[in-house]
Amino acid sequence: MALLAAPFAAQAQDYGHGVRRAPPPGYWRGGAPALDGQQYGYWVDDSDARPRSQRRSRAASREPQQLDDQGYWGGDVYGGEAMQQEVAPRFRRQTAAYSGGQPAGTIIIDTRNKYLYLVQGGGMAIRYGIGVGREGFQWRGSQRISMKREWPDWRPPADMRRRRPDLPRFMAGGPDNPLGARALYLGSTLYRIHGTNEPNTIGQNVSSGCIRLTNDDVIDLYSRVSVGAKVVVM
């Protein structure tokens, strides 16, 4: 996928040395303005010659590879393979302008644009790309970090096991655990900010309400925040 910071309008791309050619077949996937005032989107490469109906049916026939944080199969599978294997440039950790009025140390989660901001003060924040809840599992509100854990264990709640009786009652923390390298627990809820070993899901609606970052990013965030930090989910 090619990164664009404004609606896709050009009919050709500049590849350097004066070489220009038309973009690959595909479609524009735009986003709402983010907290830093920018509007981002992607030109999604759709150059696979097979009809989409065939690609979807083939994907559906393939066995998914891994559960998400709440016991659902994660990832946006296309032809049996993840659509993107690395985090897109706009979802990589970076500094960004912030003028929302929250004090330094506050975590702000922009679920619509798939960003987590850690306010730094002085009009700046550290911005992380995130995966958020799928339709029907999104939420808004304010919480506090109630607990932090490295390589957390996972205990699927009872209602989840009712939906998925094949789930384990307990999974020890480690590289294969859906919660990833770190978890920040939000109040007394079942929601967490946590890592993932599926970086291709960053920037997508993939979870049952938890907020996921790459393992590298969640380790960085974990080192910067303390229990009691305010979390605002928008």
C-alpha atoms as a PDB file:
ATOM      1  CA  MET A   1       0.000   0.000   0.000  1.00  0.00           C
ATOM      2  CA  ALA A   2       1.278   3.452  -0.810  1.00  0.00           C
ATOM      3  CA  LEU A   3       0.963   6.182   1.805  1.00  0.00           C
ATOM      4  CA  LEU A   4      -0.801   9.422   0.891  1.00  0.00           C
ATOM      5  CA  ALA A   5      -1.444  12.401   3.183  1.00  0.00           C
ATOM      6  CA  ALA A   6      -4.274  13.942   1.126  1.00  0.00           C
ATOM      7  CA  PRO A   7      -7.192  12.559  -0.941  1.00  0.00           C
ATOM      8  CA  PHE A   8      -5.928  10.637  -3.958  1.00  0.00           C
ATOM      9  CA  ALA A   9      -6.246  12.924  -6.969  1.00  0.00           C
ATOM     10  CA  ALA A  10      -3.186  12.416  -9.175  1.00  0.00           C
ATOM     11  CA  GLN A  11      -3.462   9.999 -12.049  1.00  0.00           C
ATOM     12  CA  ALA A  12       0.228   9.126 -12.033  1.00  0.00           C
ATOM     13  CA  GLN A  13       3.006   8.775  -9.487  1.00  0.00           C
ATOM     14  CA  ASP A  14       6.522  10.162  -9.667  1.00  0.00           C
ATOM     15  CA  TYR A  15       9.044   7.331  -9.301  1.00  0.00           C
ATOM     16  CA  GLY A  16      12.121   9.563  -9.574  1.00  0.00           C
ATOM     17  CA  HIS A  17      14.331  10.587 -12.486  1.00  0.00           C
ATOM     18  CA  GLY A  18      11.278  11.989 -14.263  1.00  0.00           C
ATOM     19  CA  VAL A  19       9.624   8.569 -14.568  1.00  0.00           C
ATOM     20  CA  ARG A  20       5.859   8.691 -14.042  1.00  0.00           C
ATOM     21  CA  ARG A  21       3.335   5.963 -14.485  1.00  0.00           C
ATOM     22  CA  ALA A  22      -0.254   5.250 -13.536  1.00  0.00           C
ATOM     23  CA  PRO A  23      -1.005   3.817 -10.102  1.00  0.00           C
ATOM     24  CA  PRO A  24      -1.869   0.109  -9.866  1.00  0.00           C
ATOM     25  CA  PRO A  25      -5.531  -0.916 -10.014  1.00  0.00           C
ATOM     26  CA  GLY A  26      -7.180  -0.317  -6.691  1.00  0.00           C
ATOM     27  CA  TYR A  27      -9.213   2.116  -4.637  1.00  0.00           C
ATOM     28  CA  TRP A  28      -8.740   5.014  -2.231  1.00  0.00           C
ATOM     29  CA  ARG A  29      -9.271   4.321   1.464  1.00  0.00           C
ATOM     30  CA  GLY A  30      -9.503   7.660   3.245  1.00  0.00           C
ATOM     31  CA  GLY A  31      -9.776   8.630   6.876  1.00  0.00           C
ATOM     32  CA  ALA A  32     -11.213  11.396   9.015  1.00  0.00           C
ATOM     33  CA  PRO A  33      -8.925  14.234  10.147  1.00  0.00           C
ATOM     34  CA  ALA A  34      -6.680  13.094  12.996  1.00  0.00           C
ATOM     35  CA  LEU A  35      -5.857  14.965  16.203  1.00  0.00           C
ATOM     36  CA  ASP A  36      -2.749  16.420  14.581  1.00  0.00           C
ATOM     37  CA  GLY A  37      -4.912  18.108  11.945  1.00  0.00           C
ATOM     38  CA  GLN A  38      -3.793  15.883   9.053  1.00  0.00           C
ATOM     39  CA  GLN A  39      -6.001  13.708   6.889  1.00  0.00           C
ATOM     40  CA  TYR A  40      -4.504  10.432   5.805  1.00  0.00           C
ATOM     41  CA  GLY A  41      -5.452   7.616   3.518  1.00  0.00           C
ATOM     42  CA  TYR A  42      -4.177   4.876   1.274  1.00  0.00           C
ATOM     43  CA  TRP A  43      -4.304   3.799  -2.339  1.00  0.00           C
ATOM     44  CA  VAL A  44      -5.006   0.097  -1.893  1.00  0.00           C
ATOM     45  CA  ASP A  45      -3.280  -2.017  -4.522  1.00  0.00           C
ATOM     46  CA  ASP A  46      -5.837  -4.278  -6.144  1.00  0.00           C
ATOM     47  CA  SER A  47      -3.691  -5.572  -8.990  1.00  0.00           C
ATOM     48  CA  ASP A  48      -4.507  -9.241  -8.444  1.00  0.00           C
ATOM     49  CA  ALA A  49      -6.137 -10.312 -11.711  1.00  0.00           C
ATOM     50  CA  ARG A  50      -8.555 -12.746 -10.095  1.00  0.00           C
ATOM     51  CA  PRO A  51     -12.138 -11.534  -9.476  1.00  0.00           C
ATOM     52  CA  ARG A  52     -12.621 -10.381  -5.878  1.00  0.00           C
ATOM     53  CA  SER A  53     -15.356 -12.970  -5.362  1.00  0.00           C
ATOM     54  CA  GLN A  54     -12.828 -15.716  -6.065  1.00  0.00           C
ATOM     55  CA  ARG A  55     -10.252 -14.197  -3.751  1.00  0.00           C
ATOM     56  CA  ARG A  56     -12.736 -13.864  -0.916  1.00  0.00           C
ATOM     57  CA  SER A  57     -14.013 -17.394  -1.304  1.00  0.00           C
ATOM     58  CA  ARG A  58     -10.471 -18.725  -1.339  1.00  0.00           C
ATOM     59  CA  ALA A  59      -9.656 -16.740   1.792  1.00  0.00           C
ATOM     60  CA  ALA A  60     -12.752 -18.043   3.542  1.00  0.00           C
ATOM     61  CA  SER A  61     -11.734 -21.606   2.783  1.00  0.00           C
ATOM     62  CA  ARG A  62      -8.351 -21.197   4.434  1.00  0.00           C
ATOM     63  CA  GLU A  63      -8.045 -21.927   8.129  1.00  0.00           C
ATOM     64  CA  PRO A  64      -7.249 -18.720  10.080  1.00  0.00           C
ATOM     65  CA  GLN A  65      -3.885 -18.644  11.794  1.00  0.00           C
ATOM     66  CA  GLN A  66      -4.362 -16.966  15.164  1.00  0.00           C
ATOM     67  CA  LEU A  67      -6.896 -15.712  17.697  1.00  0.00           C
ATOM     68  CA  ASP A  68      -7.161 -12.043  18.543  1.00  0.00           C
ATOM     69  CA  ASP A  69      -7.107 -10.633  22.093  1.00  0.00           C
ATOM     70  CA  GLN A  70     -10.741 -11.546  22.818  1.00  0.00           C
ATOM     71  CA  GLY A  71     -10.966 -14.936  21.154  1.00  0.00           C
ATOM     72  CA  TYR A  72     -11.811 -14.093  17.567  1.00  0.00           C
ATOM     73  CA  TRP A  73      -9.807 -14.883  14.493  1.00  0.00           C
ATOM     74  CA  GLY A  74      -7.777 -11.776  13.674  1.00  0.00           C
ATOM     75  CA  GLY A  75      -6.248 -10.250  10.577  1.00  0.00           C
ATOM     76  CA  ASP A  76      -7.635  -9.096   7.269  1.00  0.00           C
ATOM     77  CA  VAL A  77      -7.044 -12.171   5.122  1.00  0.00           C
ATOM     78  CA  TYR A  78      -6.933 -11.778   1.356  1.00  0.00           C
ATOM     79  CA  GLY A  79      -6.349 -14.834  -0.770  1.00  0.00           C
ATOM     80  CA  GLY A  80      -5.279 -16.714   2.357  1.00  0.00           C
ATOM     81  CA  GLU A  81      -2.434 -14.289   3.173  1.00  0.00           C
ATOM     82  CA  ALA A  82      -2.316 -11.140   5.316  1.00  0.00           C
ATOM     83  CA  MET A  83      -2.925  -8.051   3.194  1.00  0.00           C
ATOM     84  CA  GLN A  84       0.091  -6.294   4.607  1.00  0.00           C
ATOM     85  CA  GLN A  85       3.030  -7.813   6.426  1.00  0.00           C
ATOM     86  CA  GLU A  86       4.460  -4.639   7.930  1.00  0.00           C
ATOM     87  CA  VAL A  87       2.998  -1.598   9.628  1.00  0.00           C
ATOM     88  CA  ALA A  88       2.133   1.152   7.158  1.00  0.00           C
ATOM     89  CA  PRO A  89       4.296   4.299   7.475  1.00  0.00           C
ATOM     90  CA  ARG A  90       1.604   6.502   8.987  1.00  0.00           C
ATOM     91  CA  PHE A  91       1.042   3.989  11.797  1.00  0.00           C
ATOM     92  CA  ARG A  92       4.683   3.894  12.868  1.00  0.00           C
ATOM     93  CA  ARG A  93       5.672   5.569  16.114  1.00  0.00           C
ATOM     94  CA  GLN A  94       6.427   9.274  15.694  1.00  0.00           C
ATOM     95  CA  THR A  95       6.059  12.676  17.339  1.00  0.00           C
ATOM     96  CA  ALA A  96       2.994  14.725  16.402  1.00  0.00           C
ATOM     97  CA  ALA A  97       1.413  18.065  17.230  1.00  0.00           C
ATOM     98  CA  TYR A  98      -1.274  17.977  19.937  1.00  0.00           C
ATOM     99  CA  SER A  99      -3.545  20.768  21.153  1.00  0.00           C
ATOM    100  CA  GLY A 100      -6.353  18.923  22.916  1.00  0.00           C
ATOM    101  CA  GLY A 101      -5.854  20.408  26.367  1.00  0.00           C
ATOM    102  CA  GLN A 102      -5.035  17.187  28.240  1.00  0.00           C
ATOM    103  CA  PRO A 103      -1.998  17.252  30.551  1.00  0.00           C
ATOM    104  CA  ALA A 104       1.279  15.484  29.876  1.00  0.00           C
ATOM    105  CA  GLY A 105       1.128  11.773  30.623  1.00  0.00           C
ATOM    106  CA  THR A 106      -2.449  11.365  29.387  1.00  0.00           C
ATOM    107  CA  ILE A 107      -3.171   8.637  26.827  1.00  0.00           C
ATOM    108  CA  ILE A 108      -5.688   9.592  24.161  1.00  0.00           C
ATOM    109  CA  ILE A 109      -7.066   6.908  21.855  1.00  0.00           C
ATOM    110  CA  ASP A 110      -8.475   8.097  18.535  1.00  0.00           C
ATOM    111  CA  THR A 111     -10.371   4.974  17.516  1.00  0.00           C
ATOM    112  CA  ARG A 112     -11.675   6.417  14.253  1.00  0.00           C
ATOM    113  CA  ASN A 113      -8.209   7.162  12.888  1.00  0.00           C
ATOM    114  CA  LYS A 114      -6.453   4.269  14.667  1.00  0.00           C
ATOM    115  CA  TYR A 115      -4.012   6.388  16.685  1.00  0.00           C
ATOM    116  CA  LEU A 116      -2.912   6.409  20.314  1.00  0.00           C
ATOM    117  CA  TYR A 117      -1.399   9.665  21.568  1.00  0.00           C
ATOM    118  CA  LEU A 118       0.772   9.951  24.680  1.00  0.00           C
ATOM    119  CA  VAL A 119       0.676  13.652  25.535  1.00  0.00           C
ATOM    120  CA  GLN A 120       4.127  15.116  26.159  1.00  0.00           C
ATOM    121  CA  GLY A 121       3.302  18.750  26.854  1.00  0.00           C
ATOM    122  CA  GLY A 122       4.465  21.759  24.912  1.00  0.00           C
ATOM    123  CA  GLY A 123       1.948  21.040  22.170  1.00  0.00           C
ATOM    124  CA  MET A 124       3.479  17.667  21.290  1.00  0.00           C
ATOM    125  CA  ALA A 125       2.630  13.998  21.702  1.00  0.00           C
ATOM    126  CA  ILE A 126       4.048  10.614  20.806  1.00  0.00           C
ATOM    127  CA  ARG A 127       1.712   8.992  18.300  1.00  0.00           C
ATOM    128  CA  TYR A 128       1.358   5.234  17.880  1.00  0.00           C
ATOM    129  CA  GLY A 129      -0.644   3.273  15.322  1.00  0.00           C
ATOM    130  CA  ILE A 130      -3.186   0.920  16.838  1.00  0.00           C
ATOM    131  CA  GLY A 131      -5.739  -1.758  16.062  1.00  0.00           C
ATOM    132  CA  VAL A 132      -9.169  -1.159  17.616  1.00  0.00           C
ATOM    133  CA  GLY A 133     -12.478  -2.901  18.185  1.00  0.00           C
ATOM    134  CA  ARG A 134     -14.466  -4.254  15.282  1.00  0.00           C
ATOM    135  CA  GLU A 135     -18.004  -3.055  14.648  1.00  0.00           C
ATOM    136  CA  GLY A 136     -20.191  -3.740  17.667  1.00  0.00           C
ATOM    137  CA  PHE A 137     -17.213  -3.862  20.056  1.00  0.00           C
ATOM    138  CA  GLN A 138     -16.122  -0.216  20.050  1.00  0.00           C
ATOM    139  CA  TRP A 139     -16.525   1.995  23.089  1.00  0.00           C
ATOM    140  CA  ARG A 140     -15.839   5.507  24.351  1.00  0.00           C
ATOM    141  CA  GLY A 141     -15.017   6.874  27.780  1.00  0.00           C
ATOM    142  CA  SER A 142     -12.326   7.607  30.315  1.00  0.00           C
ATOM    143  CA  GLN A 143     -10.387   5.109  32.430  1.00  0.00           C
ATOM    144  CA  ARG A 144      -7.168   4.892  34.438  1.00  0.00           C
ATOM    145  CA  ILE A 145      -4.335   2.422  34.050  1.00  0.00           C
ATOM    146  CA  SER A 146      -5.032   0.033  36.925  1.00  0.00           C
ATOM    147  CA  MET A 147      -2.284  -2.521  36.367  1.00  0.00           C
ATOM    148  CA  LYS A 148       0.728  -3.222  34.124  1.00  0.00           C
ATOM    149  CA  ARG A 149       2.064  -6.637  33.167  1.00  0.00           C
ATOM    150  CA  GLU A 150       5.009  -7.884  31.119  1.00  0.00           C
ATOM    151  CA  TRP A 151       4.267 -10.882  28.878  1.00  0.00           C
ATOM    152  CA  PRO A 152       0.788 -11.170  30.404  1.00  0.00           C
ATOM    153  CA  ASP A 153      -1.153 -14.390  30.788  1.00  0.00           C
ATOM    154  CA  TRP A 154      -4.517 -14.612  29.045  1.00  0.00           C
ATOM    155  CA  ARG A 155      -7.701 -15.903  30.672  1.00  0.00           C
ATOM    156  CA  PRO A 156     -10.644 -15.657  28.276  1.00  0.00           C
ATOM    157  CA  PRO A 157     -13.741 -14.511  30.215  1.00  0.00           C
ATOM    158  CA  ALA A 158     -16.729 -16.801  30.606  1.00  0.00           C
ATOM    159  CA  ASP A 159     -18.928 -15.089  28.006  1.00  0.00           C
ATOM    160  CA  MET A 160     -16.153 -15.472  25.465  1.00  0.00           C
ATOM    161  CA  ARG A 161     -15.787 -19.151  26.202  1.00  0.00           C
ATOM    162  CA  ARG A 162     -19.540 -19.515  25.719  1.00  0.00           C
ATOM    163  CA  ARG A 163     -19.118 -18.049  22.241  1.00  0.00           C
ATOM    164  CA  ARG A 164     -16.028 -20.125  21.622  1.00  0.00           C
ATOM    165  CA  PRO A 165     -16.083 -23.308  23.749  1.00  0.00           C
ATOM    166  CA  ASP A 166     -12.832 -24.437  22.118  1.00  0.00           C
ATOM    167  CA  LEU A 167     -10.865 -21.626  23.789  1.00  0.00           C
ATOM    168  CA  PRO A 168      -8.448 -22.471  26.579  1.00  0.00           C
ATOM    169  CA  ARG A 169      -9.260 -21.331  30.091  1.00  0.00           C
ATOM    170  CA  PHE A 170      -5.692 -20.113  30.457  1.00  0.00           C
ATOM    171  CA  MET A 171      -2.776 -19.292  28.179  1.00  0.00           C
ATOM    172  CA  ALA A 172       0.602 -18.472  29.685  1.00  0.00           C
ATOM    173  CA  GLY A 173       2.335 -15.297  28.571  1.00  0.00           C
ATOM    174  CA  GLY A 174       4.866 -15.577  25.773  1.00  0.00           C
ATOM    175  CA  PRO A 175       5.499 -14.899  22.072  1.00  0.00           C
ATOM    176  CA  ASP A 176       2.419 -16.879  20.980  1.00  0.00           C
ATOM    177  CA  ASN A 177       0.040 -15.220  23.428  1.00  0.00           C
ATOM    178  CA  PRO A 178      -2.496 -12.863  21.750  1.00  0.00           C
ATOM    179  CA  LEU A 179      -1.798 -10.164  24.378  1.00  0.00           C
ATOM    180  CA  GLY A 180       1.781  -9.745  23.185  1.00  0.00           C
ATOM    181  CA  ALA A 181       4.744  -8.409  25.132  1.00  0.00           C
ATOM    182  CA  ARG A 182       2.998  -5.960  27.490  1.00  0.00           C
ATOM    183  CA  ALA A 183      -0.475  -5.124  28.758  1.00  0.00           C
ATOM    184  CA  LEU A 184      -1.870  -2.002  30.394  1.00  0.00           C
ATOM    185  CA  TYR A 185      -5.185  -2.778  32.099  1.00  0.00           C
ATOM    186  CA  LEU A 186      -7.974  -0.192  31.955  1.00  0.00           C
ATOM    187  CA  GLY A 187      -9.750   0.287  35.279  1.00  0.00           C
ATOM    188  CA  SER A 188     -11.904  -2.660  36.305  1.00  0.00           C
ATOM    189  CA  THR A 189     -12.957  -3.387  32.720  1.00  0.00           C
ATOM    190  CA  LEU A 190     -11.912  -6.357  30.618  1.00  0.00           C
ATOM    191  CA  TYR A 191     -10.205  -3.993  28.179  1.00  0.00           C
ATOM    192  CA  ARG A 192      -6.472  -3.584  27.817  1.00  0.00           C
ATOM    193  CA  ILE A 193      -3.896  -1.736  25.794  1.00  0.00           C
ATOM    194  CA  HIS A 194      -1.608  -4.556  24.746  1.00  0.00           C
ATOM    195  CA  GLY A 195       0.853  -5.842  22.174  1.00  0.00           C
ATOM    196  CA  THR A 196       0.379  -8.167  19.264  1.00  0.00           C
ATOM    197  CA  ASN A 197       2.522 -10.503  17.202  1.00  0.00           C
ATOM    198  CA  GLU A 198       0.395  -9.665  14.152  1.00  0.00           C
ATOM    199  CA  PRO A 199       1.681  -6.239  13.068  1.00  0.00           C
ATOM    200  CA  ASN A 200      -0.386  -6.455   9.875  1.00  0.00           C
ATOM    201  CA  THR A 201      -3.513  -5.807  11.985  1.00  0.00           C
ATOM    202  CA  ILE A 202      -2.375  -2.339  13.091  1.00  0.00           C
ATOM    203  CA  GLY A 203      -4.680   0.258  11.539  1.00  0.00           C
ATOM    204  CA  GLN A 204      -7.648  -2.121  11.414  1.00  0.00           C
ATOM    205  CA  ASN A 205     -10.844  -2.882  13.328  1.00  0.00           C
ATOM    206  CA  VAL A 206      -9.835  -6.262  14.637  1.00  0.00           C
ATOM    207  CA  SER A 207     -10.458  -6.726  18.367  1.00  0.00           C
ATOM    208  CA  SER A 208     -13.366  -7.080  20.766  1.00  0.00           C
ATOM    209  CA  GLY A 209     -12.654  -3.727  22.403  1.00  0.00           C
ATOM    210  CA  CYS A 210      -9.006  -3.933  23.396  1.00  0.00           C
ATOM    211  CA  ILE A 211      -6.432  -1.576  21.894  1.00  0.00           C
ATOM    212  CA  ARG A 212      -3.429  -3.267  20.301  1.00  0.00           C
ATOM    213  CA  LEU A 213       0.000  -1.951  19.337  1.00  0.00           C
ATOM    214  CA  THR A 214       3.003  -3.688  17.871  1.00  0.00           C
ATOM    215  CA  ASN A 215       5.132  -5.345  20.524  1.00  0.00           C
ATOM    216  CA  ASP A 216       7.891  -2.768  19.995  1.00  0.00           C
ATOM    217  CA  ASP A 217       5.448   0.086  20.466  1.00  0.00           C
ATOM    218  CA  VAL A 218       3.695  -1.338  23.501  1.00  0.00           C
ATOM    219  CA  ILE A 219       7.073  -1.897  25.178  1.00  0.00           C
ATOM    220  CA  ASP A 220       7.913   1.748  24.491  1.00  0.00           C
ATOM    221  CA  LEU A 221       4.542   2.970  25.804  1.00  0.00           C
ATOM    222  CA  TYR A 222       4.779   0.693  28.854  1.00  0.00           C
ATOM    223  CA  SER A 223       8.098   2.280  29.807  1.00  0.00           C
ATOM    224  CA  ARG A 224       6.629   5.799  29.636  1.00  0.00           C
ATOM    225  CA  VAL A 225       3.392   5.508  31.635  1.00  0.00           C
ATOM    226  CA  SER A 226       2.606   4.624  35.221  1.00  0.00           C
ATOM    227  CA  VAL A 227      -0.313   3.002  37.003  1.00  0.00           C
ATOM    228  CA  GLY A 228      -2.937   5.701  37.494  1.00  0.00           C
ATOM    229  CA  ALA A 229      -2.353   7.392  34.131  1.00  0.00           C
ATOM    230  CA  LYS A 230      -5.531   8.752  32.540  1.00  0.00           C
ATOM    231  CA  VAL A 231      -6.786   7.129  29.330  1.00  0.00           C
ATOM    232  CA  VAL A 232      -9.369   8.907  27.158  1.00  0.00           C
ATOM    233  CA  VAL A 233     -11.011   6.791  24.444  1.00  0.00           C
ATOM    234  CA  MET A 234     -12.652   8.860  21.708  1.00  0.00           C
END
